[in-house]
Amino acid sequence: LDASGSMLQRLEGRRRIDIAREVLVDLVENTIPSGTPLALRIFGHRTPDACQTDLEVPLTPLDPARTAPIIRQTEAESLASTTI
């Protein structure tokens, strides 16, 4: 999940992070079967001036009740620094 500052930009009136969270929550709650191996990394939401991802959910069988709240609580931050 990209949670860098670019995700604060709007797309058709909505912030990109809101759209991404909505799609990912729908995937883990309604599309991907529980128990399917899944990991979640989030980019750009913790360390200033870094280009790193954080492993928020290690590779384990999907537990929607554990994973969806992590996605919902992730806010985009203008912290990341990329080389592009």
N, C-alpha and C. Protein backbone atom coordinates (compact mmCIF):
# COMPACT_ATOMS: atom_id res chain seq x y z
N LEU A 1 0.86 -1.18 0.00
CA LEU A 1 0.00 0.00 0.00
C LEU A 1 0.90 1.23 0.00
N ASP A 2 0.71 2.08 -0.95
CA ASP A 2 1.46 3.33 -1.03
C ASP A 2 0.78 4.34 -0.11
N ALA A 3 1.51 4.80 0.89
CA ALA A 3 0.97 5.81 1.81
C ALA A 3 1.87 7.04 1.81
N SER A 4 2.52 7.27 0.68
CA SER A 4 3.40 8.44 0.56
C SER A 4 2.57 9.68 0.24
N GLY A 5 3.21 10.80 0.22
CA GLY A 5 2.52 12.06 -0.01
C GLY A 5 1.76 12.14 -1.31
N SER A 6 2.20 11.43 -2.33
CA SER A 6 1.48 11.47 -3.61
C SER A 6 0.07 10.92 -3.48
N MET A 7 -0.16 10.12 -2.46
CA MET A 7 -1.49 9.53 -2.26
C MET A 7 -2.47 10.54 -1.64
N LEU A 8 -1.98 11.73 -1.30
CA LEU A 8 -2.85 12.80 -0.82
C LEU A 8 -3.51 13.55 -1.98
N GLN A 9 -2.96 13.37 -3.19
CA GLN A 9 -3.55 14.01 -4.37
C GLN A 9 -4.94 13.46 -4.62
N ARG A 10 -5.73 14.25 -5.29
CA ARG A 10 -7.12 13.85 -5.55
C ARG A 10 -7.27 13.26 -6.96
N LEU A 11 -8.15 12.30 -7.04
CA LEU A 11 -8.51 11.67 -8.29
C LEU A 11 -10.03 11.68 -8.34
N GLU A 12 -10.57 12.45 -9.26
CA GLU A 12 -12.02 12.60 -9.37
C GLU A 12 -12.65 13.00 -8.04
N GLY A 13 -12.00 13.91 -7.34
CA GLY A 13 -12.54 14.46 -6.11
C GLY A 13 -12.24 13.70 -4.84
N ARG A 14 -11.61 12.55 -4.95
CA ARG A 14 -11.28 11.74 -3.77
C ARG A 14 -9.78 11.59 -3.65
N ARG A 15 -9.29 11.54 -2.40
CA ARG A 15 -7.87 11.32 -2.20
C ARG A 15 -7.51 9.91 -2.66
N ARG A 16 -6.35 9.78 -3.27
CA ARG A 16 -5.89 8.48 -3.76
C ARG A 16 -5.80 7.45 -2.63
N ILE A 17 -5.35 7.87 -1.44
CA ILE A 17 -5.23 6.92 -0.33
C ILE A 17 -6.59 6.36 0.05
N ASP A 18 -7.64 7.17 -0.02
CA ASP A 18 -8.98 6.70 0.32
C ASP A 18 -9.44 5.63 -0.67
N ILE A 19 -9.15 5.87 -1.95
CA ILE A 19 -9.51 4.90 -2.98
C ILE A 19 -8.73 3.60 -2.78
N ALA A 20 -7.43 3.71 -2.55
CA ALA A 20 -6.59 2.53 -2.36
C ALA A 20 -7.04 1.72 -1.15
N ARG A 21 -7.31 2.41 -0.03
CA ARG A 21 -7.77 1.69 1.17
C ARG A 21 -9.08 0.97 0.90
N GLU A 22 -10.00 1.66 0.24
CA GLU A 22 -11.30 1.04 -0.07
C GLU A 22 -11.13 -0.23 -0.88
N VAL A 23 -10.30 -0.17 -1.91
CA VAL A 23 -10.07 -1.33 -2.78
C VAL A 23 -9.40 -2.47 -1.99
N LEU A 24 -8.38 -2.15 -1.21
CA LEU A 24 -7.67 -3.20 -0.46
C LEU A 24 -8.56 -3.82 0.62
N VAL A 25 -9.34 -3.02 1.31
CA VAL A 25 -10.25 -3.58 2.32
C VAL A 25 -11.25 -4.51 1.64
N ASP A 26 -11.79 -4.10 0.50
CA ASP A 26 -12.72 -4.97 -0.22
C ASP A 26 -12.04 -6.28 -0.63
N LEU A 27 -10.78 -6.21 -1.06
CA LEU A 27 -10.05 -7.43 -1.42
C LEU A 27 -9.92 -8.38 -0.24
N VAL A 28 -9.49 -7.86 0.91
CA VAL A 28 -9.24 -8.77 2.03
C VAL A 28 -10.54 -9.22 2.72
N GLU A 29 -11.60 -8.44 2.60
CA GLU A 29 -12.85 -8.84 3.25
C GLU A 29 -13.79 -9.63 2.35
N ASN A 30 -13.71 -9.38 1.02
CA ASN A 30 -14.72 -9.97 0.13
C ASN A 30 -14.19 -10.78 -1.04
N THR A 31 -12.93 -10.61 -1.40
CA THR A 31 -12.43 -11.25 -2.62
C THR A 31 -11.44 -12.36 -2.33
N ILE A 32 -10.40 -12.07 -1.59
CA ILE A 32 -9.39 -13.08 -1.28
C ILE A 32 -9.92 -13.99 -0.19
N PRO A 33 -9.94 -15.29 -0.42
CA PRO A 33 -10.47 -16.20 0.61
C PRO A 33 -9.63 -16.17 1.90
N SER A 34 -10.31 -16.20 3.02
CA SER A 34 -9.60 -16.30 4.31
C SER A 34 -8.68 -17.50 4.26
N GLY A 35 -7.51 -17.36 4.87
CA GLY A 35 -6.54 -18.44 4.89
C GLY A 35 -5.54 -18.40 3.75
N THR A 36 -5.80 -17.59 2.74
CA THR A 36 -4.87 -17.44 1.63
C THR A 36 -3.61 -16.73 2.14
N PRO A 37 -2.42 -17.23 1.84
CA PRO A 37 -1.20 -16.55 2.29
C PRO A 37 -1.17 -15.12 1.77
N LEU A 38 -0.92 -14.19 2.68
CA LEU A 38 -0.92 -12.78 2.32
C LEU A 38 0.04 -12.02 3.24
N ALA A 39 0.74 -11.05 2.67
CA ALA A 39 1.58 -10.14 3.44
C ALA A 39 1.20 -8.72 3.02
N LEU A 40 1.45 -7.78 3.91
CA LEU A 40 1.13 -6.39 3.60
C LEU A 40 2.32 -5.51 3.95
N ARG A 41 2.81 -4.79 2.94
CA ARG A 41 3.86 -3.79 3.14
C ARG A 41 3.26 -2.43 2.84
N ILE A 42 3.67 -1.45 3.63
CA ILE A 42 3.19 -0.09 3.43
C ILE A 42 4.40 0.80 3.19
N PHE A 43 4.27 1.65 2.17
CA PHE A 43 5.36 2.53 1.75
C PHE A 43 5.08 3.97 2.17
N GLY A 44 6.12 4.61 2.72
CA GLY A 44 6.13 6.05 2.86
C GLY A 44 5.36 6.66 4.01
N HIS A 45 5.01 5.91 5.02
CA HIS A 45 4.16 6.47 6.08
C HIS A 45 4.84 6.60 7.43
N ARG A 46 6.11 6.24 7.54
CA ARG A 46 6.77 6.27 8.85
C ARG A 46 8.05 7.10 8.92
N THR A 47 8.97 6.84 8.01
CA THR A 47 10.31 7.39 8.14
C THR A 47 10.52 8.57 7.20
N PRO A 48 10.84 9.76 7.72
CA PRO A 48 11.08 10.92 6.87
C PRO A 48 12.29 10.70 5.95
N ASP A 49 12.18 11.22 4.75
CA ASP A 49 13.27 11.22 3.76
C ASP A 49 13.83 9.84 3.48
N ALA A 50 12.98 8.84 3.49
CA ALA A 50 13.42 7.48 3.21
C ALA A 50 12.56 6.87 2.11
N CYS A 51 13.12 5.93 1.45
CA CYS A 51 12.39 5.17 0.43
C CYS A 51 12.32 3.73 0.93
N GLN A 52 11.46 3.52 1.90
CA GLN A 52 11.39 2.19 2.51
C GLN A 52 9.94 1.75 2.65
N THR A 53 9.78 0.45 2.79
CA THR A 53 8.47 -0.11 3.08
C THR A 53 8.55 -0.78 4.44
N ASP A 54 7.43 -0.85 5.10
CA ASP A 54 7.35 -1.51 6.40
C ASP A 54 6.43 -2.72 6.28
N LEU A 55 6.90 -3.85 6.78
CA LEU A 55 6.11 -5.07 6.77
C LEU A 55 5.11 -4.99 7.93
N GLU A 56 3.87 -4.66 7.61
CA GLU A 56 2.84 -4.49 8.63
C GLU A 56 2.14 -5.81 8.96
N VAL A 57 2.03 -6.67 7.96
CA VAL A 57 1.46 -8.01 8.18
C VAL A 57 2.41 -9.00 7.53
N PRO A 58 3.11 -9.81 8.32
CA PRO A 58 4.00 -10.80 7.72
C PRO A 58 3.21 -11.85 6.96
N LEU A 59 3.87 -12.57 6.10
CA LEU A 59 3.21 -13.59 5.30
C LEU A 59 2.60 -14.65 6.22
N THR A 60 1.29 -14.64 6.26
CA THR A 60 0.52 -15.57 7.08
C THR A 60 -0.80 -15.83 6.36
N PRO A 61 -1.57 -16.83 6.81
CA PRO A 61 -2.90 -17.00 6.25
C PRO A 61 -3.74 -15.74 6.52
N LEU A 62 -4.45 -15.27 5.51
CA LEU A 62 -5.23 -14.05 5.62
C LEU A 62 -6.28 -14.15 6.72
N ASP A 63 -6.24 -13.17 7.59
CA ASP A 63 -7.25 -12.99 8.63
C ASP A 63 -7.84 -11.60 8.40
N PRO A 64 -8.99 -11.52 7.70
CA PRO A 64 -9.56 -10.21 7.38
C PRO A 64 -9.79 -9.33 8.60
N ALA A 65 -10.15 -9.92 9.73
CA ALA A 65 -10.41 -9.14 10.94
C ALA A 65 -9.14 -8.48 11.47
N ARG A 66 -7.99 -9.02 11.13
CA ARG A 66 -6.72 -8.43 11.56
C ARG A 66 -6.17 -7.46 10.52
N THR A 67 -6.31 -7.81 9.25
CA THR A 67 -5.70 -7.05 8.18
C THR A 67 -6.48 -5.79 7.80
N ALA A 68 -7.79 -5.87 7.70
CA ALA A 68 -8.60 -4.73 7.27
C ALA A 68 -8.41 -3.51 8.17
N PRO A 69 -8.39 -3.65 9.50
CA PRO A 69 -8.18 -2.46 10.33
C PRO A 69 -6.83 -1.79 10.12
N ILE A 70 -5.80 -2.57 9.83
CA ILE A 70 -4.48 -1.99 9.55
C ILE A 70 -4.56 -1.11 8.30
N ILE A 71 -5.24 -1.61 7.29
CA ILE A 71 -5.41 -0.85 6.05
C ILE A 71 -6.23 0.41 6.32
N ARG A 72 -7.34 0.26 7.01
CA ARG A 72 -8.22 1.40 7.29
C ARG A 72 -7.51 2.51 8.08
N GLN A 73 -6.61 2.15 8.96
CA GLN A 73 -5.95 3.12 9.83
C GLN A 73 -4.73 3.78 9.18
N THR A 74 -4.31 3.30 8.04
CA THR A 74 -3.13 3.86 7.39
C THR A 74 -3.46 5.20 6.75
N GLU A 75 -2.71 6.21 7.13
CA GLU A 75 -2.87 7.54 6.56
C GLU A 75 -1.65 7.88 5.70
N ALA A 76 -1.89 8.57 4.61
CA ALA A 76 -0.79 9.02 3.76
C ALA A 76 -0.05 10.16 4.45
N GLU A 77 1.27 10.16 4.31
CA GLU A 77 2.12 11.18 4.91
C GLU A 77 3.09 11.70 3.85
N SER A 78 3.45 12.94 3.94
CA SER A 78 4.46 13.51 3.02
C SER A 78 5.84 13.33 3.63
N LEU A 79 6.27 12.07 3.74
CA LEU A 79 7.55 11.76 4.36
C LEU A 79 8.55 11.14 3.40
N ALA A 80 8.09 10.33 2.47
CA ALA A 80 8.97 9.50 1.64
C ALA A 80 9.81 10.35 0.69
N SER A 81 10.94 9.77 0.35
CA SER A 81 11.83 10.38 -0.62
C SER A 81 12.22 9.30 -1.61
N THR A 82 11.83 9.48 -2.85
CA THR A 82 12.15 8.49 -3.88
C THR A 82 13.13 9.09 -4.87
N THR A 83 13.81 8.23 -5.57
CA THR A 83 14.82 8.68 -6.54
C THR A 83 14.20 9.03 -7.88
N ILE A 84 12.94 8.78 -8.06
CA ILE A 84 12.30 9.06 -9.36
C ILE A 84 11.94 10.54 -9.45
